[in-house]
N, C-alpha and C. Protein backbone atom coordinates (compact mmCIF):
# COMPACT_ATOMS: atom_id res chain seq x y z
N MET A 1 12.04 -132.94 161.80
CA MET A 1 12.23 -131.94 160.77
C MET A 1 13.02 -132.51 159.60
N ILE A 2 14.07 -133.30 159.91
CA ILE A 2 14.88 -133.90 158.86
C ILE A 2 14.06 -134.89 158.05
N LYS A 3 13.18 -135.65 158.72
CA LYS A 3 12.36 -136.62 158.00
C LYS A 3 11.39 -135.92 157.06
N ILE A 4 10.81 -134.83 157.51
CA ILE A 4 9.88 -134.08 156.66
C ILE A 4 10.64 -133.52 155.46
N LEU A 5 11.84 -133.01 155.68
CA LEU A 5 12.66 -132.49 154.58
C LEU A 5 13.02 -133.60 153.61
N SER A 6 13.37 -134.78 154.13
CA SER A 6 13.72 -135.92 153.28
C SER A 6 12.52 -136.35 152.44
N VAL A 7 11.34 -136.41 153.05
CA VAL A 7 10.12 -136.78 152.32
C VAL A 7 9.83 -135.75 151.23
N GLY A 8 9.93 -134.48 151.57
CA GLY A 8 9.65 -133.43 150.60
C GLY A 8 10.62 -133.44 149.43
N LEU A 9 11.91 -133.60 149.71
CA LEU A 9 12.91 -133.62 148.64
C LEU A 9 12.74 -134.85 147.75
N THR A 10 12.45 -135.99 148.36
CA THR A 10 12.22 -137.19 147.56
C THR A 10 11.01 -137.03 146.66
N SER A 11 9.93 -136.50 147.18
CA SER A 11 8.72 -136.29 146.38
C SER A 11 8.97 -135.32 145.24
N ILE A 12 9.66 -134.23 145.52
CA ILE A 12 9.95 -133.24 144.47
C ILE A 12 10.85 -133.85 143.41
N ALA A 13 11.86 -134.61 143.82
CA ALA A 13 12.76 -135.24 142.85
C ALA A 13 12.02 -136.23 141.96
N LEU A 14 11.14 -137.02 142.55
CA LEU A 14 10.40 -137.99 141.76
C LEU A 14 9.44 -137.32 140.78
N LEU A 15 8.73 -136.30 141.23
CA LEU A 15 7.82 -135.57 140.34
C LEU A 15 8.58 -134.87 139.22
N ALA A 16 9.70 -134.24 139.55
CA ALA A 16 10.49 -133.56 138.53
C ALA A 16 11.02 -134.56 137.51
N SER A 17 11.42 -135.74 137.98
CA SER A 17 11.91 -136.77 137.07
C SER A 17 10.83 -137.22 136.10
N VAL A 18 9.62 -137.43 136.60
CA VAL A 18 8.52 -137.87 135.75
C VAL A 18 8.24 -136.84 134.66
N PHE A 19 8.13 -135.56 135.04
CA PHE A 19 7.85 -134.53 134.04
C PHE A 19 9.00 -134.36 133.06
N PHE A 20 10.23 -134.43 133.54
CA PHE A 20 11.38 -134.29 132.65
C PHE A 20 11.45 -135.43 131.66
N PHE A 21 11.30 -136.67 132.15
CA PHE A 21 11.43 -137.82 131.27
C PHE A 21 10.28 -137.94 130.28
N ALA A 22 9.11 -137.50 130.68
CA ALA A 22 7.97 -137.53 129.75
C ALA A 22 8.23 -136.59 128.58
N GLY A 23 8.78 -135.41 128.84
CA GLY A 23 9.08 -134.47 127.77
C GLY A 23 10.19 -134.95 126.87
N VAL A 24 11.24 -135.53 127.45
CA VAL A 24 12.34 -136.03 126.65
C VAL A 24 11.89 -137.21 125.79
N GLY A 25 11.06 -138.06 126.36
CA GLY A 25 10.56 -139.20 125.60
C GLY A 25 9.70 -138.78 124.41
N GLN A 26 8.91 -137.73 124.56
CA GLN A 26 8.10 -137.24 123.47
C GLN A 26 8.96 -136.66 122.36
N ALA A 27 10.02 -135.98 122.71
CA ALA A 27 10.88 -135.35 121.72
C ALA A 27 11.73 -136.36 120.98
N ASP A 28 11.92 -137.55 121.52
CA ASP A 28 12.83 -138.53 120.96
C ASP A 28 12.16 -139.41 119.90
N ASP A 29 10.87 -139.30 119.68
CA ASP A 29 10.16 -140.19 118.78
C ASP A 29 10.36 -139.88 117.30
N HIS A 30 10.95 -138.77 116.94
CA HIS A 30 11.00 -138.34 115.56
C HIS A 30 12.40 -138.42 114.98
N ARG A 31 12.98 -139.58 114.99
CA ARG A 31 14.31 -139.70 114.39
C ARG A 31 14.21 -140.55 113.13
N LYS A 32 15.18 -140.33 112.24
CA LYS A 32 15.20 -141.08 110.99
C LYS A 32 15.78 -142.46 111.23
N LEU A 33 15.26 -143.44 110.54
CA LEU A 33 15.69 -144.82 110.73
C LEU A 33 17.16 -144.99 110.36
N LYS A 34 17.58 -144.41 109.23
CA LYS A 34 18.95 -144.61 108.78
C LYS A 34 19.94 -144.03 109.79
N GLY A 35 19.71 -142.83 110.27
CA GLY A 35 20.60 -142.21 111.24
C GLY A 35 20.65 -142.99 112.54
N TRP A 36 19.51 -143.55 112.93
CA TRP A 36 19.47 -144.31 114.16
C TRP A 36 20.27 -145.60 114.03
N ILE A 37 20.16 -146.27 112.89
CA ILE A 37 20.91 -147.51 112.67
C ILE A 37 22.41 -147.22 112.66
N GLU A 38 22.82 -146.15 111.99
CA GLU A 38 24.24 -145.79 111.96
C GLU A 38 24.74 -145.48 113.36
N ARG A 39 23.98 -144.72 114.13
CA ARG A 39 24.39 -144.37 115.48
C ARG A 39 24.44 -145.61 116.35
N SER A 40 23.48 -146.51 116.17
CA SER A 40 23.44 -147.73 116.95
C SER A 40 24.68 -148.57 116.69
N GLU A 41 25.06 -148.72 115.44
CA GLU A 41 26.24 -149.50 115.09
C GLU A 41 27.51 -148.83 115.59
N ARG A 42 27.57 -147.50 115.53
CA ARG A 42 28.76 -146.76 115.96
C ARG A 42 28.94 -146.85 117.47
N ASP A 43 27.85 -146.74 118.23
CA ASP A 43 27.94 -146.68 119.69
C ASP A 43 28.05 -148.04 120.35
N ARG A 44 27.71 -149.08 119.66
CA ARG A 44 27.68 -150.40 120.29
C ARG A 44 29.10 -150.90 120.54
N SER A 45 29.33 -151.38 121.74
CA SER A 45 30.59 -152.05 122.06
C SER A 45 30.26 -153.38 122.70
N SER A 46 29.35 -154.11 122.09
CA SER A 46 28.83 -155.34 122.67
C SER A 46 29.86 -156.47 122.55
N ILE A 47 29.97 -157.25 123.61
CA ILE A 47 30.86 -158.40 123.54
C ILE A 47 30.16 -159.57 122.83
N PHE A 48 28.85 -159.49 122.66
CA PHE A 48 28.12 -160.56 122.01
C PHE A 48 27.90 -160.28 120.53
N LYS A 49 28.06 -159.05 120.10
CA LYS A 49 27.92 -158.64 118.70
C LYS A 49 26.58 -159.09 118.11
N ARG A 50 25.52 -158.86 118.84
CA ARG A 50 24.17 -159.18 118.36
C ARG A 50 23.38 -157.90 118.21
N HIS A 51 22.21 -158.04 117.61
CA HIS A 51 21.32 -156.89 117.52
C HIS A 51 20.77 -156.57 118.90
N ASP A 52 20.26 -155.36 119.06
CA ASP A 52 19.84 -154.89 120.38
C ASP A 52 18.47 -155.40 120.80
N GLU A 53 17.76 -156.16 119.97
CA GLU A 53 16.42 -156.57 120.36
C GLU A 53 16.44 -157.42 121.62
N GLY A 54 17.33 -158.41 121.69
CA GLY A 54 17.42 -159.24 122.89
C GLY A 54 17.92 -158.46 124.08
N ASN A 55 18.84 -157.55 123.83
CA ASN A 55 19.38 -156.74 124.92
C ASN A 55 18.32 -155.82 125.49
N GLU A 56 17.50 -155.25 124.60
CA GLU A 56 16.41 -154.39 125.07
C GLU A 56 15.41 -155.20 125.88
N THR A 57 15.16 -156.41 125.46
CA THR A 57 14.26 -157.28 126.20
C THR A 57 14.80 -157.57 127.59
N ALA A 58 16.08 -157.84 127.69
CA ALA A 58 16.69 -158.08 129.00
C ALA A 58 16.58 -156.85 129.88
N GLY A 59 16.76 -155.67 129.32
CA GLY A 59 16.62 -154.43 130.08
C GLY A 59 15.20 -154.23 130.56
N GLN A 60 14.23 -154.52 129.69
CA GLN A 60 12.83 -154.39 130.09
C GLN A 60 12.48 -155.38 131.20
N ILE A 61 12.96 -156.61 131.07
CA ILE A 61 12.70 -157.63 132.10
C ILE A 61 13.31 -157.18 133.42
N ALA A 62 14.55 -156.69 133.39
CA ALA A 62 15.21 -156.24 134.61
C ALA A 62 14.44 -155.08 135.24
N ALA A 63 13.99 -154.14 134.42
CA ALA A 63 13.27 -152.98 134.95
C ALA A 63 11.96 -153.39 135.61
N TRP A 64 11.19 -154.24 134.96
CA TRP A 64 9.90 -154.65 135.53
C TRP A 64 10.07 -155.51 136.76
N LEU A 65 11.09 -156.37 136.76
CA LEU A 65 11.36 -157.17 137.95
C LEU A 65 11.83 -156.29 139.11
N LEU A 66 12.59 -155.23 138.80
CA LEU A 66 13.02 -154.29 139.84
C LEU A 66 11.81 -153.61 140.47
N VAL A 67 10.85 -153.24 139.65
CA VAL A 67 9.62 -152.63 140.17
C VAL A 67 8.87 -153.63 141.05
N ALA A 68 8.71 -154.86 140.55
CA ALA A 68 7.98 -155.88 141.31
C ALA A 68 8.70 -156.23 142.61
N ALA A 69 10.02 -156.31 142.57
CA ALA A 69 10.78 -156.68 143.77
C ALA A 69 10.72 -155.61 144.84
N ASN A 70 10.62 -154.36 144.44
CA ASN A 70 10.66 -153.28 145.42
C ASN A 70 9.29 -152.67 145.72
N LEU A 71 8.24 -153.21 145.13
CA LEU A 71 6.89 -152.73 145.41
C LEU A 71 6.51 -152.87 146.88
N PRO A 72 6.83 -154.01 147.55
CA PRO A 72 6.50 -154.10 148.98
C PRO A 72 7.21 -153.03 149.81
N VAL A 73 8.43 -152.71 149.45
CA VAL A 73 9.19 -151.70 150.19
C VAL A 73 8.57 -150.32 149.99
N VAL A 74 8.23 -150.01 148.75
CA VAL A 74 7.61 -148.71 148.45
C VAL A 74 6.27 -148.59 149.16
N LEU A 75 5.47 -149.65 149.14
CA LEU A 75 4.18 -149.63 149.85
C LEU A 75 4.40 -149.41 151.35
N SER A 76 5.37 -150.09 151.92
CA SER A 76 5.63 -149.94 153.35
C SER A 76 6.05 -148.51 153.69
N VAL A 77 6.93 -147.93 152.88
CA VAL A 77 7.39 -146.56 153.13
C VAL A 77 6.23 -145.58 153.01
N LEU A 78 5.41 -145.74 151.98
CA LEU A 78 4.26 -144.84 151.80
C LEU A 78 3.27 -144.95 152.95
N ILE A 79 3.02 -146.17 153.41
CA ILE A 79 2.09 -146.36 154.52
C ILE A 79 2.65 -145.74 155.80
N LYS A 80 3.93 -145.95 156.06
CA LYS A 80 4.53 -145.36 157.27
C LYS A 80 4.50 -143.84 157.21
N TRP A 81 4.83 -143.26 156.05
CA TRP A 81 4.81 -141.80 155.90
C TRP A 81 3.40 -141.25 156.04
N SER A 82 2.42 -141.94 155.45
CA SER A 82 1.05 -141.45 155.56
C SER A 82 0.55 -141.54 157.00
N ASN A 83 0.89 -142.61 157.71
CA ASN A 83 0.50 -142.73 159.12
C ASN A 83 1.16 -141.67 159.98
N ARG A 84 2.36 -141.28 159.62
CA ARG A 84 3.09 -140.32 160.44
C ARG A 84 2.71 -138.88 160.12
N PHE A 85 2.52 -138.55 158.83
CA PHE A 85 2.38 -137.15 158.44
C PHE A 85 1.00 -136.75 157.92
N ALA A 86 0.21 -137.70 157.43
CA ALA A 86 -1.10 -137.37 156.86
C ALA A 86 -2.14 -137.20 157.97
N PRO A 87 -3.04 -136.25 157.79
CA PRO A 87 -4.10 -136.06 158.79
C PRO A 87 -5.25 -137.04 158.58
N ILE A 88 -5.04 -138.30 159.00
CA ILE A 88 -6.08 -139.32 158.85
C ILE A 88 -6.48 -139.81 160.24
N ASN A 89 -7.68 -140.40 160.31
CA ASN A 89 -8.20 -140.82 161.62
C ASN A 89 -7.52 -142.11 162.09
N THR A 90 -7.69 -142.42 163.34
CA THR A 90 -7.01 -143.54 163.98
C THR A 90 -7.42 -144.88 163.37
N GLY A 91 -8.70 -145.02 163.01
CA GLY A 91 -9.17 -146.27 162.40
C GLY A 91 -8.46 -146.57 161.09
N LEU A 92 -8.31 -145.55 160.24
CA LEU A 92 -7.61 -145.74 158.97
C LEU A 92 -6.13 -146.01 159.20
N LYS A 93 -5.54 -145.33 160.18
CA LYS A 93 -4.13 -145.58 160.50
C LYS A 93 -3.93 -147.03 160.94
N ASN A 94 -4.83 -147.53 161.77
CA ASN A 94 -4.73 -148.92 162.22
C ASN A 94 -4.92 -149.90 161.07
N ALA A 95 -5.85 -149.60 160.17
CA ALA A 95 -6.07 -150.46 159.01
C ALA A 95 -4.84 -150.47 158.11
N LEU A 96 -4.25 -149.30 157.88
CA LEU A 96 -3.04 -149.23 157.05
C LEU A 96 -1.88 -149.96 157.70
N SER A 97 -1.76 -149.84 159.00
CA SER A 97 -0.69 -150.56 159.73
C SER A 97 -0.90 -152.07 159.63
N GLY A 98 -2.14 -152.52 159.74
CA GLY A 98 -2.44 -153.95 159.59
C GLY A 98 -2.13 -154.45 158.19
N PHE A 99 -2.51 -153.65 157.18
CA PHE A 99 -2.19 -154.03 155.80
C PHE A 99 -0.68 -154.07 155.60
N ASN A 100 0.04 -153.12 156.21
CA ASN A 100 1.49 -153.08 156.06
C ASN A 100 2.12 -154.33 156.67
N ARG A 101 1.67 -154.76 157.84
CA ARG A 101 2.18 -155.98 158.45
C ARG A 101 1.89 -157.19 157.57
N PHE A 102 0.66 -157.24 157.01
CA PHE A 102 0.28 -158.36 156.14
C PHE A 102 1.15 -158.41 154.89
N GLN A 103 1.33 -157.24 154.22
CA GLN A 103 2.09 -157.26 152.98
C GLN A 103 3.57 -157.50 153.23
N LYS A 104 4.08 -157.04 154.38
CA LYS A 104 5.48 -157.33 154.70
C LYS A 104 5.68 -158.83 154.93
N LYS A 105 4.71 -159.46 155.60
CA LYS A 105 4.81 -160.88 155.89
C LYS A 105 4.76 -161.72 154.61
N HIS A 106 3.90 -161.33 153.66
CA HIS A 106 3.66 -162.16 152.48
C HIS A 106 4.38 -161.69 151.21
N LEU A 107 4.74 -160.43 151.11
CA LEU A 107 5.35 -159.94 149.87
C LEU A 107 6.85 -159.69 149.96
N MET A 108 7.40 -159.55 151.16
CA MET A 108 8.82 -159.26 151.27
C MET A 108 9.69 -160.41 150.76
N ARG A 109 9.18 -161.61 150.73
CA ARG A 109 9.97 -162.73 150.19
C ARG A 109 10.28 -162.50 148.72
N PHE A 110 9.37 -161.80 148.00
CA PHE A 110 9.65 -161.48 146.60
C PHE A 110 10.77 -160.45 146.50
N HIS A 111 10.87 -159.54 147.46
CA HIS A 111 11.95 -158.57 147.50
C HIS A 111 13.29 -159.31 147.65
N TYR A 112 13.33 -160.30 148.51
CA TYR A 112 14.56 -161.05 148.76
C TYR A 112 14.94 -161.93 147.58
N LEU A 113 13.96 -162.50 146.90
CA LEU A 113 14.24 -163.42 145.80
C LEU A 113 14.47 -162.71 144.46
N LEU A 114 13.68 -161.69 144.19
CA LEU A 114 13.74 -161.07 142.86
C LEU A 114 14.92 -160.13 142.67
N ASN A 115 15.35 -159.44 143.72
CA ASN A 115 16.45 -158.49 143.54
C ASN A 115 17.75 -159.14 143.07
N PRO A 116 18.18 -160.29 143.61
CA PRO A 116 19.37 -160.94 143.02
C PRO A 116 19.15 -161.38 141.56
N ILE A 117 17.94 -161.78 141.23
CA ILE A 117 17.63 -162.14 139.84
C ILE A 117 17.72 -160.90 138.96
N VAL A 118 17.22 -159.78 139.46
CA VAL A 118 17.32 -158.50 138.73
C VAL A 118 18.78 -158.18 138.48
N LEU A 119 19.62 -158.38 139.47
CA LEU A 119 21.04 -158.07 139.32
C LEU A 119 21.67 -158.91 138.21
N VAL A 120 21.37 -160.19 138.16
CA VAL A 120 21.93 -161.06 137.12
C VAL A 120 21.45 -160.62 135.74
N ILE A 121 20.16 -160.34 135.60
CA ILE A 121 19.61 -159.91 134.31
C ILE A 121 20.16 -158.54 133.91
N ALA A 122 20.29 -157.63 134.87
CA ALA A 122 20.85 -156.30 134.58
C ALA A 122 22.31 -156.41 134.14
N LEU A 123 23.08 -157.27 134.78
CA LEU A 123 24.47 -157.46 134.36
C LEU A 123 24.54 -158.05 132.95
N TRP A 124 23.67 -159.01 132.66
CA TRP A 124 23.62 -159.57 131.31
C TRP A 124 23.25 -158.48 130.30
N HIS A 125 22.28 -157.66 130.62
CA HIS A 125 21.86 -156.56 129.75
C HIS A 125 23.03 -155.60 129.54
N TRP A 126 23.75 -155.26 130.58
CA TRP A 126 24.88 -154.34 130.46
C TRP A 126 26.00 -154.94 129.61
N LEU A 127 26.31 -156.22 129.83
CA LEU A 127 27.38 -156.86 129.06
C LEU A 127 27.05 -156.97 127.57
N SER A 128 25.78 -157.13 127.27
CA SER A 128 25.41 -157.35 125.87
C SER A 128 25.02 -156.09 125.12
N SER A 129 24.92 -154.95 125.79
CA SER A 129 24.52 -153.74 125.04
C SER A 129 25.12 -152.48 125.63
N ARG A 130 26.41 -152.48 125.91
CA ARG A 130 27.06 -151.29 126.44
C ARG A 130 27.17 -150.22 125.36
N CYS A 131 27.09 -148.99 125.79
CA CYS A 131 27.18 -147.85 124.89
C CYS A 131 28.26 -146.92 125.42
N GLN A 132 29.10 -146.39 124.52
CA GLN A 132 30.20 -145.55 124.95
C GLN A 132 29.83 -144.07 125.01
N SER A 133 28.59 -143.70 124.69
CA SER A 133 28.22 -142.30 124.69
C SER A 133 28.02 -141.73 126.09
N THR A 134 27.74 -142.56 127.08
CA THR A 134 27.58 -142.09 128.46
C THR A 134 27.89 -143.23 129.43
N ALA A 135 28.30 -142.85 130.63
CA ALA A 135 28.60 -143.84 131.67
C ALA A 135 27.51 -143.86 132.74
N MET A 136 26.44 -143.10 132.55
CA MET A 136 25.40 -143.02 133.59
C MET A 136 24.72 -144.36 133.88
N PRO A 137 24.40 -145.19 132.87
CA PRO A 137 23.81 -146.49 133.23
C PRO A 137 24.76 -147.34 134.08
N GLU A 138 26.06 -147.23 133.82
CA GLU A 138 27.02 -147.98 134.62
C GLU A 138 27.03 -147.49 136.07
N TRP A 139 26.92 -146.17 136.28
CA TRP A 139 26.86 -145.64 137.64
C TRP A 139 25.61 -146.14 138.35
N GLY A 140 24.49 -146.15 137.65
CA GLY A 140 23.26 -146.68 138.24
C GLY A 140 23.39 -148.15 138.57
N LEU A 141 24.07 -148.89 137.69
CA LEU A 141 24.29 -150.31 137.94
C LEU A 141 25.18 -150.53 139.14
N ILE A 142 26.19 -149.67 139.31
CA ILE A 142 27.07 -149.78 140.48
C ILE A 142 26.28 -149.55 141.76
N VAL A 143 25.40 -148.54 141.77
CA VAL A 143 24.57 -148.29 142.95
C VAL A 143 23.63 -149.48 143.20
N MET A 144 23.07 -150.04 142.11
CA MET A 144 22.17 -151.19 142.25
C MET A 144 22.93 -152.38 142.84
N VAL A 145 24.13 -152.64 142.34
CA VAL A 145 24.93 -153.74 142.88
C VAL A 145 25.20 -153.51 144.36
N GLY A 146 25.55 -152.27 144.73
CA GLY A 146 25.81 -151.97 146.13
C GLY A 146 24.60 -152.20 147.01
N LEU A 147 23.44 -151.73 146.57
CA LEU A 147 22.22 -151.91 147.37
C LEU A 147 21.86 -153.38 147.52
N ILE A 148 21.97 -154.14 146.44
CA ILE A 148 21.61 -155.56 146.50
C ILE A 148 22.61 -156.33 147.34
N VAL A 149 23.89 -156.02 147.22
CA VAL A 149 24.90 -156.70 148.03
C VAL A 149 24.70 -156.37 149.52
N LEU A 150 24.40 -155.10 149.83
CA LEU A 150 24.10 -154.75 151.22
C LEU A 150 22.90 -155.53 151.74
N GLY A 151 21.86 -155.64 150.91
CA GLY A 151 20.68 -156.40 151.31
C GLY A 151 21.00 -157.87 151.56
N LEU A 152 21.81 -158.46 150.68
CA LEU A 152 22.19 -159.86 150.86
C LEU A 152 23.04 -160.05 152.11
N ILE A 153 23.95 -159.11 152.36
CA ILE A 153 24.78 -159.20 153.56
C ILE A 153 23.91 -159.16 154.81
N MET A 154 22.92 -158.26 154.83
CA MET A 154 22.04 -158.17 155.99
C MET A 154 21.14 -159.40 156.11
N LYS A 155 20.59 -159.85 155.01
CA LYS A 155 19.66 -160.99 155.05
C LYS A 155 20.36 -162.27 155.47
N LEU A 156 21.59 -162.46 155.01
CA LEU A 156 22.33 -163.68 155.33
C LEU A 156 23.11 -163.57 156.64
N GLY A 157 23.06 -162.40 157.28
CA GLY A 157 23.73 -162.21 158.57
C GLY A 157 25.24 -162.22 158.47
N LEU A 158 25.80 -161.72 157.38
CA LEU A 158 27.24 -161.72 157.18
C LEU A 158 27.92 -160.47 157.71
N CYS A 159 27.17 -159.61 158.31
CA CYS A 159 27.68 -158.32 158.78
C CYS A 159 27.98 -158.38 160.27
N PRO A 160 29.12 -157.83 160.70
CA PRO A 160 29.37 -157.75 162.15
C PRO A 160 28.32 -156.89 162.84
N LYS A 161 28.00 -157.22 164.06
CA LYS A 161 26.92 -156.54 164.78
C LYS A 161 27.10 -155.02 164.87
N PRO A 162 28.30 -154.48 165.10
CA PRO A 162 28.42 -153.01 165.19
C PRO A 162 28.10 -152.28 163.88
N LEU A 163 28.22 -152.95 162.75
CA LEU A 163 27.98 -152.31 161.46
C LEU A 163 26.54 -152.46 160.96
N ARG A 164 25.76 -153.32 161.58
CA ARG A 164 24.41 -153.62 161.08
C ARG A 164 23.52 -152.40 160.96
N LYS A 165 23.51 -151.56 161.97
CA LYS A 165 22.62 -150.40 161.97
C LYS A 165 22.97 -149.44 160.83
N GLY A 166 24.24 -149.19 160.63
CA GLY A 166 24.67 -148.29 159.56
C GLY A 166 24.37 -148.86 158.18
N LEU A 167 24.63 -150.15 157.99
CA LEU A 167 24.33 -150.78 156.71
C LEU A 167 22.83 -150.80 156.45
N TYR A 168 22.04 -151.05 157.50
CA TYR A 168 20.59 -151.06 157.35
C TYR A 168 20.10 -149.67 156.92
N ARG A 169 20.62 -148.64 157.57
CA ARG A 169 20.21 -147.27 157.21
C ARG A 169 20.58 -146.93 155.78
N LEU A 170 21.78 -147.35 155.36
CA LEU A 170 22.20 -147.07 153.98
C LEU A 170 21.34 -147.85 152.98
N HIS A 171 21.07 -149.11 153.28
CA HIS A 171 20.27 -149.95 152.38
C HIS A 171 18.83 -149.46 152.27
N THR A 172 18.29 -148.94 153.36
CA THR A 172 16.88 -148.53 153.36
C THR A 172 16.67 -147.04 153.10
N GLN A 173 17.71 -146.32 152.74
CA GLN A 173 17.60 -144.89 152.48
C GLN A 173 16.86 -144.66 151.16
N PRO A 174 15.69 -144.01 151.18
CA PRO A 174 14.93 -143.80 149.95
C PRO A 174 15.65 -142.92 148.93
N LEU A 175 16.47 -142.01 149.40
CA LEU A 175 17.19 -141.13 148.47
C LEU A 175 18.21 -141.90 147.64
N VAL A 176 18.82 -142.93 148.21
CA VAL A 176 19.78 -143.74 147.46
C VAL A 176 19.05 -144.50 146.36
N PHE A 177 17.90 -145.08 146.70
CA PHE A 177 17.11 -145.79 145.69
C PHE A 177 16.61 -144.84 144.60
N ALA A 178 16.13 -143.67 145.01
CA ALA A 178 15.66 -142.68 144.04
C ALA A 178 16.80 -142.20 143.15
N ALA A 179 17.97 -142.03 143.72
CA ALA A 179 19.14 -141.63 142.92
C ALA A 179 19.50 -142.71 141.91
N MET A 180 19.44 -143.97 142.32
CA MET A 180 19.74 -145.08 141.41
C MET A 180 18.77 -145.09 140.24
N VAL A 181 17.48 -144.98 140.53
CA VAL A 181 16.47 -145.00 139.47
C VAL A 181 16.65 -143.79 138.55
N THR A 182 16.92 -142.62 139.12
CA THR A 182 17.10 -141.41 138.32
C THR A 182 18.30 -141.52 137.41
N VAL A 183 19.43 -141.98 137.94
CA VAL A 183 20.65 -142.11 137.13
C VAL A 183 20.45 -143.15 136.03
N LEU A 184 19.83 -144.28 136.35
CA LEU A 184 19.56 -145.29 135.33
C LEU A 184 18.65 -144.75 134.24
N THR A 185 17.61 -144.03 134.62
CA THR A 185 16.66 -143.50 133.64
C THR A 185 17.30 -142.44 132.76
N ILE A 186 18.02 -141.49 133.35
CA ILE A 186 18.67 -140.46 132.55
C ILE A 186 19.71 -141.09 131.64
N GLY A 187 20.49 -142.03 132.16
CA GLY A 187 21.49 -142.70 131.34
C GLY A 187 20.89 -143.42 130.15
N HIS A 188 19.77 -144.11 130.37
CA HIS A 188 19.13 -144.80 129.25
C HIS A 188 18.50 -143.82 128.26
N LEU A 189 18.02 -142.70 128.74
CA LEU A 189 17.50 -141.69 127.82
C LEU A 189 18.61 -141.09 126.95
N ILE A 190 19.77 -140.91 127.52
CA ILE A 190 20.91 -140.42 126.75
C ILE A 190 21.34 -141.44 125.71
N VAL A 191 21.37 -142.71 126.09
CA VAL A 191 21.77 -143.78 125.16
C VAL A 191 20.78 -143.90 124.01
N ASP A 192 19.48 -143.77 124.33
CA ASP A 192 18.47 -143.89 123.28
C ASP A 192 18.51 -142.67 122.40
């Protein structure tokens, strides 16, 4: 029952986020250039004192790499949920399970390699284009750092055995990842 509730809440949160952000993004396209430049200069507290073009590029690179790094995990979760809750026949369930084993074997290495790279690029993006109008991107970055550090601790075996199960559950909790993405997205929408 708890798993069904977790799946339902995650799905509702993701759908609501998509509809909310699509509407906010449409409303944000009609600003005057002069006002935007003044606001950009006023809000910037960059330690590099550069224009935001490079910083925006770093943010885009970090975002796309985050998607690519976590695609195998999202595929695995969706396949497991569909096998458990969807009314599909046994042959399709076996095929999905086989595909899941294949993609875990061959794609999870990108999850392990790309997420630390995402962290470095995200930190560079944050250092070079901080905005004082909201702290939400920083909160999302803190959650991202926590998730990546937990993943590295588990992958490198640096965790004592009694804590492994709890850290694994925290690292693999879909609601934590969804919360991170939501906070990062809302924070960036406020900054823009």
